[in-house]
Amino acid sequence: MKEILIQNNLSLREVINKLNELGTKTLVVADNNNKLLGTISDGDIRRAIINGNSLDESIENIFNKNPKYVIENQYSVDYLHRIFLQEKYDLMPLLDKNKS
């Protein structure tokens, strides 16, 4: 899990490299205390580039600040599996009760 955590001060280029390195479609943006700030996906990056954002620009104004997430022990595995399939999620952070 730790490998998909990134800081919000990374550039688009750094995030693209991280996605490529890990072979994933989405990364979790967290603060220094690992508290969820949001997520950034390859789709978010494509839209940013289409909108004229520079690859050297910070992701601060690009990442999704209102991602879907799950609080641990809140839902059954079967329910979460159905939601993932229905909504076609690539990733949904699992947080503790403090949202970390």
N, C-alpha and C. Protein backbone atom coordinates (compact mmCIF):
# COMPACT_ATOMS: atom_id res chain seq x y z
N MET A 1 0.82 -1.20 0.00
CA MET A 1 0.00 0.00 0.00
C MET A 1 0.86 1.26 0.00
N LYS A 2 1.93 1.26 0.75
CA LYS A 2 2.77 2.45 0.87
C LYS A 2 3.30 2.93 -0.47
N GLU A 3 3.54 2.02 -1.41
CA GLU A 3 4.11 2.42 -2.69
C GLU A 3 3.15 3.27 -3.52
N ILE A 4 1.84 3.20 -3.26
CA ILE A 4 0.89 4.01 -4.03
C ILE A 4 0.59 5.35 -3.35
N LEU A 5 1.20 5.61 -2.19
CA LEU A 5 1.02 6.90 -1.51
C LEU A 5 2.00 7.92 -2.07
N ILE A 6 1.49 9.10 -2.38
CA ILE A 6 2.34 10.18 -2.86
C ILE A 6 1.96 11.48 -2.15
N GLN A 7 2.84 12.46 -2.24
CA GLN A 7 2.59 13.79 -1.68
C GLN A 7 1.96 14.69 -2.74
N ASN A 8 1.27 15.72 -2.31
CA ASN A 8 0.58 16.61 -3.25
C ASN A 8 1.48 17.64 -3.92
N ASN A 9 2.77 17.63 -3.61
CA ASN A 9 3.68 18.60 -4.23
C ASN A 9 4.44 18.00 -5.41
N LEU A 10 4.13 16.77 -5.79
CA LEU A 10 4.80 16.17 -6.95
C LEU A 10 4.32 16.81 -8.24
N SER A 11 5.15 16.73 -9.25
CA SER A 11 4.77 17.26 -10.57
C SER A 11 3.99 16.18 -11.35
N LEU A 12 3.30 16.64 -12.37
CA LEU A 12 2.61 15.69 -13.25
C LEU A 12 3.59 14.65 -13.79
N ARG A 13 4.76 15.10 -14.20
CA ARG A 13 5.78 14.20 -14.74
C ARG A 13 6.16 13.13 -13.71
N GLU A 14 6.37 13.53 -12.46
CA GLU A 14 6.74 12.58 -11.41
C GLU A 14 5.63 11.56 -11.17
N VAL A 15 4.38 12.03 -11.22
CA VAL A 15 3.25 11.13 -11.01
C VAL A 15 3.11 10.15 -12.18
N ILE A 16 3.29 10.64 -13.40
CA ILE A 16 3.25 9.76 -14.57
C ILE A 16 4.33 8.68 -14.43
N ASN A 17 5.52 9.07 -14.04
CA ASN A 17 6.60 8.11 -13.86
C ASN A 17 6.26 7.08 -12.78
N LYS A 18 5.65 7.53 -11.68
CA LYS A 18 5.26 6.63 -10.59
C LYS A 18 4.20 5.65 -11.05
N LEU A 19 3.19 6.14 -11.78
CA LEU A 19 2.15 5.25 -12.31
C LEU A 19 2.76 4.21 -13.24
N ASN A 20 3.67 4.65 -14.09
CA ASN A 20 4.34 3.75 -15.03
C ASN A 20 5.18 2.71 -14.29
N GLU A 21 5.92 3.17 -13.29
CA GLU A 21 6.78 2.28 -12.50
C GLU A 21 5.97 1.19 -11.80
N LEU A 22 4.82 1.58 -11.23
CA LEU A 22 4.00 0.63 -10.47
C LEU A 22 3.03 -0.16 -11.35
N GLY A 23 2.77 0.35 -12.55
CA GLY A 23 1.82 -0.32 -13.43
C GLY A 23 0.39 -0.23 -12.94
N THR A 24 0.07 0.87 -12.27
CA THR A 24 -1.27 1.08 -11.74
C THR A 24 -1.93 2.26 -12.43
N LYS A 25 -3.22 2.43 -12.24
CA LYS A 25 -3.95 3.53 -12.88
C LYS A 25 -4.22 4.68 -11.92
N THR A 26 -4.08 4.44 -10.62
CA THR A 26 -4.45 5.44 -9.62
C THR A 26 -3.45 5.43 -8.47
N LEU A 27 -3.17 6.63 -7.95
CA LEU A 27 -2.33 6.78 -6.76
C LEU A 27 -3.12 7.52 -5.70
N VAL A 28 -2.75 7.31 -4.44
CA VAL A 28 -3.39 7.97 -3.30
C VAL A 28 -2.52 9.13 -2.86
N VAL A 29 -3.12 10.32 -2.78
CA VAL A 29 -2.42 11.52 -2.35
C VAL A 29 -2.66 11.66 -0.85
N ALA A 30 -1.57 11.75 -0.07
CA ALA A 30 -1.66 11.83 1.39
C ALA A 30 -0.74 12.90 1.93
N ASP A 31 -1.05 13.37 3.14
CA ASP A 31 -0.17 14.35 3.78
C ASP A 31 0.96 13.62 4.51
N ASN A 32 1.77 14.34 5.26
CA ASN A 32 2.93 13.75 5.94
C ASN A 32 2.53 12.73 7.01
N ASN A 33 1.28 12.79 7.47
CA ASN A 33 0.79 11.85 8.48
C ASN A 33 -0.02 10.71 7.85
N ASN A 34 0.09 10.57 6.54
CA ASN A 34 -0.64 9.56 5.77
C ASN A 34 -2.15 9.74 5.82
N LYS A 35 -2.60 10.94 6.08
CA LYS A 35 -4.03 11.22 6.04
C LYS A 35 -4.43 11.50 4.59
N LEU A 36 -5.53 10.89 4.18
CA LEU A 36 -5.99 11.00 2.79
C LEU A 36 -6.30 12.44 2.41
N LEU A 37 -5.69 12.89 1.29
CA LEU A 37 -6.00 14.18 0.70
C LEU A 37 -6.82 13.99 -0.57
N GLY A 38 -6.59 12.86 -1.26
CA GLY A 38 -7.32 12.60 -2.50
C GLY A 38 -6.67 11.49 -3.29
N THR A 39 -7.05 11.40 -4.55
CA THR A 39 -6.48 10.41 -5.46
C THR A 39 -6.17 11.10 -6.79
N ILE A 40 -5.28 10.50 -7.54
CA ILE A 40 -5.00 10.98 -8.89
C ILE A 40 -4.90 9.77 -9.81
N SER A 41 -5.61 9.85 -10.91
CA SER A 41 -5.64 8.73 -11.86
C SER A 41 -5.02 9.14 -13.19
N ASP A 42 -4.79 8.14 -14.02
CA ASP A 42 -4.27 8.45 -15.35
C ASP A 42 -5.26 9.32 -16.11
N GLY A 43 -6.55 9.16 -15.86
CA GLY A 43 -7.56 10.01 -16.49
C GLY A 43 -7.46 11.45 -16.05
N ASP A 44 -7.20 11.68 -14.75
CA ASP A 44 -7.01 13.05 -14.25
C ASP A 44 -5.83 13.71 -14.95
N ILE A 45 -4.77 12.94 -15.15
CA ILE A 45 -3.57 13.46 -15.80
C ILE A 45 -3.84 13.76 -17.27
N ARG A 46 -4.53 12.86 -17.97
CA ARG A 46 -4.87 13.11 -19.38
C ARG A 46 -5.69 14.40 -19.52
N ARG A 47 -6.70 14.57 -18.65
CA ARG A 47 -7.52 15.79 -18.71
C ARG A 47 -6.68 17.04 -18.44
N ALA A 48 -5.75 16.95 -17.50
CA ALA A 48 -4.88 18.10 -17.20
C ALA A 48 -4.03 18.47 -18.40
N ILE A 49 -3.46 17.48 -19.06
CA ILE A 49 -2.62 17.74 -20.23
C ILE A 49 -3.46 18.33 -21.36
N ILE A 50 -4.64 17.78 -21.60
CA ILE A 50 -5.54 18.30 -22.63
C ILE A 50 -5.91 19.75 -22.33
N ASN A 51 -6.03 20.08 -21.04
CA ASN A 51 -6.39 21.44 -20.63
C ASN A 51 -5.19 22.39 -20.61
N GLY A 52 -4.01 21.90 -21.02
CA GLY A 52 -2.85 22.77 -21.15
C GLY A 52 -1.92 22.83 -19.96
N ASN A 53 -2.12 21.97 -18.96
CA ASN A 53 -1.21 21.95 -17.82
C ASN A 53 0.16 21.43 -18.24
N SER A 54 1.19 21.99 -17.66
CA SER A 54 2.57 21.59 -17.93
C SER A 54 2.90 20.31 -17.16
N LEU A 55 3.77 19.48 -17.74
CA LEU A 55 4.22 18.28 -17.05
C LEU A 55 5.04 18.60 -15.80
N ASP A 56 5.56 19.82 -15.73
CA ASP A 56 6.36 20.23 -14.58
C ASP A 56 5.52 20.90 -13.50
N GLU A 57 4.22 21.01 -13.73
CA GLU A 57 3.31 21.64 -12.78
C GLU A 57 2.97 20.67 -11.65
N SER A 58 2.75 21.21 -10.45
CA SER A 58 2.35 20.41 -9.30
C SER A 58 0.94 19.85 -9.52
N ILE A 59 0.68 18.71 -8.90
CA ILE A 59 -0.65 18.10 -9.01
C ILE A 59 -1.65 18.73 -8.05
N GLU A 60 -1.22 19.71 -7.26
CA GLU A 60 -2.06 20.31 -6.22
C GLU A 60 -3.46 20.67 -6.71
N ASN A 61 -3.59 21.22 -7.89
CA ASN A 61 -4.90 21.63 -8.40
C ASN A 61 -5.48 20.63 -9.39
N ILE A 62 -4.90 19.44 -9.45
CA ILE A 62 -5.33 18.45 -10.43
C ILE A 62 -5.95 17.21 -9.79
N PHE A 63 -5.41 16.79 -8.65
CA PHE A 63 -5.90 15.53 -8.07
C PHE A 63 -7.32 15.68 -7.52
N ASN A 64 -8.01 14.55 -7.42
CA ASN A 64 -9.39 14.50 -6.93
C ASN A 64 -9.39 14.63 -5.41
N LYS A 65 -9.92 15.72 -4.92
CA LYS A 65 -9.93 15.98 -3.48
C LYS A 65 -11.15 15.39 -2.77
N ASN A 66 -12.03 14.75 -3.52
CA ASN A 66 -13.23 14.12 -2.94
C ASN A 66 -13.37 12.68 -3.43
N PRO A 67 -12.35 11.85 -3.15
CA PRO A 67 -12.42 10.47 -3.67
C PRO A 67 -13.39 9.61 -2.86
N LYS A 68 -13.82 8.55 -3.48
CA LYS A 68 -14.58 7.53 -2.76
C LYS A 68 -13.59 6.75 -1.90
N TYR A 69 -14.00 6.43 -0.68
CA TYR A 69 -13.15 5.65 0.22
C TYR A 69 -14.04 4.81 1.12
N VAL A 70 -13.43 3.87 1.82
CA VAL A 70 -14.14 2.98 2.73
C VAL A 70 -13.47 3.06 4.09
N ILE A 71 -14.29 3.12 5.14
CA ILE A 71 -13.78 3.03 6.51
C ILE A 71 -13.73 1.55 6.88
N GLU A 72 -12.60 1.10 7.44
CA GLU A 72 -12.44 -0.32 7.75
C GLU A 72 -13.57 -0.83 8.65
N ASN A 73 -13.93 -2.08 8.41
CA ASN A 73 -14.98 -2.77 9.17
C ASN A 73 -16.37 -2.15 9.02
N GLN A 74 -16.56 -1.34 8.01
CA GLN A 74 -17.85 -0.69 7.81
C GLN A 74 -18.76 -1.50 6.88
N TYR A 75 -18.17 -2.22 5.92
CA TYR A 75 -18.93 -2.97 4.94
C TYR A 75 -18.38 -4.38 4.80
N SER A 76 -19.22 -5.28 4.34
CA SER A 76 -18.77 -6.65 4.09
C SER A 76 -17.93 -6.69 2.81
N VAL A 77 -17.11 -7.71 2.71
CA VAL A 77 -16.28 -7.90 1.52
C VAL A 77 -17.18 -8.11 0.30
N ASP A 78 -18.26 -8.86 0.46
CA ASP A 78 -19.18 -9.10 -0.66
C ASP A 78 -19.79 -7.79 -1.16
N TYR A 79 -20.19 -6.92 -0.24
CA TYR A 79 -20.77 -5.64 -0.63
C TYR A 79 -19.74 -4.80 -1.40
N LEU A 80 -18.53 -4.72 -0.88
CA LEU A 80 -17.48 -3.95 -1.54
C LEU A 80 -17.16 -4.51 -2.91
N HIS A 81 -17.15 -5.81 -3.03
CA HIS A 81 -16.90 -6.44 -4.33
C HIS A 81 -17.97 -6.04 -5.34
N ARG A 82 -19.23 -6.04 -4.92
CA ARG A 82 -20.32 -5.63 -5.81
C ARG A 82 -20.18 -4.17 -6.21
N ILE A 83 -19.83 -3.31 -5.28
CA ILE A 83 -19.67 -1.87 -5.57
C ILE A 83 -18.54 -1.67 -6.58
N PHE A 84 -17.41 -2.35 -6.37
CA PHE A 84 -16.28 -2.23 -7.30
C PHE A 84 -16.70 -2.62 -8.71
N LEU A 85 -17.44 -3.71 -8.83
CA LEU A 85 -17.88 -4.17 -10.14
C LEU A 85 -18.90 -3.22 -10.76
N GLN A 86 -19.86 -2.77 -9.97
CA GLN A 86 -20.91 -1.88 -10.48
C GLN A 86 -20.36 -0.53 -10.91
N GLU A 87 -19.51 0.05 -10.08
CA GLU A 87 -19.00 1.40 -10.33
C GLU A 87 -17.71 1.41 -11.15
N LYS A 88 -17.13 0.24 -11.37
CA LYS A 88 -15.90 0.09 -12.14
C LYS A 88 -14.73 0.89 -11.56
N TYR A 89 -14.61 0.83 -10.22
CA TYR A 89 -13.51 1.51 -9.54
C TYR A 89 -12.20 0.77 -9.79
N ASP A 90 -11.11 1.52 -9.94
CA ASP A 90 -9.78 0.93 -10.01
C ASP A 90 -9.19 0.78 -8.62
N LEU A 91 -9.54 1.72 -7.75
CA LEU A 91 -8.97 1.75 -6.41
C LEU A 91 -9.90 2.53 -5.51
N MET A 92 -10.04 2.06 -4.27
CA MET A 92 -10.79 2.80 -3.26
C MET A 92 -10.01 2.67 -1.94
N PRO A 93 -9.46 3.78 -1.44
CA PRO A 93 -8.67 3.69 -0.21
C PRO A 93 -9.48 3.13 0.96
N LEU A 94 -8.82 2.29 1.76
CA LEU A 94 -9.38 1.75 2.99
C LEU A 94 -8.76 2.52 4.13
N LEU A 95 -9.59 3.24 4.88
CA LEU A 95 -9.10 4.10 5.95
C LEU A 95 -9.52 3.60 7.31
N ASP A 96 -8.76 4.00 8.35
CA ASP A 96 -9.19 3.68 9.71
C ASP A 96 -10.21 4.72 10.15
N LYS A 97 -10.69 4.62 11.38
CA LYS A 97 -11.74 5.53 11.84
C LYS A 97 -11.29 6.99 11.90
N ASN A 98 -9.97 7.24 11.89
CA ASN A 98 -9.43 8.61 11.88
C ASN A 98 -9.21 9.12 10.45
N LYS A 99 -9.65 8.33 9.49
CA LYS A 99 -9.50 8.63 8.06
C LYS A 99 -8.04 8.73 7.64
N SER A 100 -7.22 7.87 8.22
CA SER A 100 -5.78 7.80 7.88
C SER A 100 -5.49 6.50 7.18
